[in-house]
């Protein structure tokens, strides 16, 4: 088990980046969830990003992206690119599933 708090400054920068309004479009909501937050859902103490893709007002798809230590050891530029790529991949999968791809 790693000590996620040693990466707290980097996690706060990631939080500001991913929670930037409109970064991924109006149908996507992304939030960083830390183990010390009330709404933390995992059994292991690994920070994660909860991503919602809104299909319509009543339906959404959700993905949890766990931020393992080997991700957090990357420099900030590489890490934000990796996270952005993971979120964009989830959005593409969701759009493909919902709008005729699979």
Protein backbone atom coordinates (compact mmCIF):
# COMPACT_ATOMS: atom_id res chain seq x y z
CA UNK A 1 0.00 0.00 0.00
CA UNK A 2 1.50 3.31 -1.00
CA UNK A 3 1.16 6.63 0.78
CA UNK A 4 -0.96 8.71 -1.61
CA UNK A 5 -0.48 11.80 0.56
CA UNK A 6 3.12 12.10 -0.63
CA UNK A 7 1.60 12.99 -4.05
CA UNK A 8 -1.00 15.39 -2.66
CA UNK A 9 0.38 18.52 -4.39
CA UNK A 10 0.42 16.73 -7.76
CA UNK A 11 -3.09 15.37 -7.14
CA UNK A 12 -4.39 18.87 -6.44
CA UNK A 13 -2.92 20.09 -9.74
CA UNK A 14 -4.57 17.17 -11.52
CA UNK A 15 -7.85 18.00 -9.80
CA UNK A 16 -7.72 21.58 -11.11
CA UNK A 17 -6.89 20.30 -14.60
CA UNK A 18 -9.61 17.65 -14.95
CA UNK A 19 -12.34 19.62 -13.23
CA UNK A 20 -11.83 22.52 -15.65
CA UNK A 21 -15.31 23.31 -16.93
CA UNK A 22 -15.74 22.20 -20.52
CA UNK A 23 -12.38 20.50 -20.94
CA UNK A 24 -14.01 17.26 -22.12
CA UNK A 25 -17.29 18.66 -23.40
CA UNK A 26 -20.69 19.32 -21.83
CA UNK A 27 -21.65 15.63 -21.68
CA UNK A 28 -18.59 14.68 -19.56
CA UNK A 29 -18.08 15.27 -15.86
CA UNK A 30 -14.75 14.28 -14.28
CA UNK A 31 -13.75 14.57 -10.63
CA UNK A 32 -10.76 13.50 -8.59
CA UNK A 33 -11.71 11.54 -5.48
CA UNK A 34 -9.19 11.14 -2.66
CA UNK A 35 -9.27 8.45 0.06
CA UNK A 36 -9.99 11.05 2.76
CA UNK A 37 -13.20 12.27 1.07
CA UNK A 38 -16.65 11.25 2.26
CA UNK A 39 -17.73 9.96 -1.15
CA UNK A 40 -14.64 7.75 -1.63
CA UNK A 41 -15.94 4.37 -2.85
CA UNK A 42 -12.98 1.99 -3.22
CA UNK A 43 -11.84 -0.44 -0.54
CA UNK A 44 -8.17 0.27 -1.20
CA UNK A 45 -6.70 3.71 -0.55
CA UNK A 46 -5.93 4.66 -4.13
CA UNK A 47 -6.99 8.07 -5.43
CA UNK A 48 -9.15 7.86 -8.53
CA UNK A 49 -10.93 9.89 -11.15
CA UNK A 50 -14.66 9.32 -11.49
CA UNK A 51 -15.81 10.10 -15.02
CA UNK A 52 -19.46 10.38 -16.03
CA UNK A 53 -20.56 10.43 -19.65
CA UNK A 54 -24.14 11.74 -19.86
CA UNK A 55 -26.16 10.05 -22.59
CA UNK A 56 -29.25 12.11 -21.72
CA UNK A 57 -30.76 13.61 -18.57
CA UNK A 58 -31.67 10.22 -17.07
CA UNK A 59 -28.81 8.02 -18.30
CA UNK A 60 -25.07 8.06 -17.86
CA UNK A 61 -22.07 5.78 -18.06
CA UNK A 62 -19.39 5.90 -15.37
CA UNK A 63 -15.75 4.87 -15.33
CA UNK A 64 -13.34 4.84 -12.40
CA UNK A 65 -9.70 5.54 -13.32
CA UNK A 66 -7.46 4.49 -10.44
CA UNK A 67 -4.32 6.56 -10.01
CA UNK A 68 -1.79 3.93 -8.99
CA UNK A 69 1.60 4.99 -7.69
CA UNK A 70 3.34 4.17 -10.97
CA UNK A 71 1.07 6.77 -12.62
CA UNK A 72 1.68 9.35 -9.91
CA UNK A 73 5.45 8.94 -10.23
CA UNK A 74 5.28 10.37 -13.77
CA UNK A 75 5.96 14.05 -14.31
CA UNK A 76 2.89 16.26 -14.35
CA UNK A 77 2.84 16.85 -18.12
CA UNK A 78 3.04 13.14 -18.91
CA UNK A 79 0.47 12.28 -16.25
CA UNK A 80 -2.09 14.86 -17.41
CA UNK A 81 -1.69 13.65 -21.01
CA UNK A 82 -2.22 10.04 -19.87
CA UNK A 83 -5.34 10.99 -17.90
CA UNK A 84 -6.72 13.05 -20.77
CA UNK A 85 -6.14 10.11 -23.15
CA UNK A 86 -7.92 7.70 -20.77
CA UNK A 87 -10.93 10.00 -20.43
CA UNK A 88 -11.11 10.61 -24.18
CA UNK A 89 -10.93 6.84 -24.79
CA UNK A 90 -13.85 6.32 -22.39
CA UNK A 91 -15.86 9.04 -24.15
CA UNK A 92 -15.14 7.48 -27.56
CA UNK A 93 -16.20 4.03 -26.28
CA UNK A 94 -19.38 5.51 -24.78
CA UNK A 95 -20.27 7.39 -27.95
CA UNK A 96 -19.59 4.31 -30.07
CA UNK A 97 -21.82 2.17 -27.86
CA UNK A 98 -24.62 4.70 -27.55
CA UNK A 99 -24.62 6.08 -31.08
CA UNK A 100 -24.30 3.00 -33.23
CA UNK A 101 -20.84 1.51 -32.88
CA UNK A 102 -21.36 -1.51 -30.73
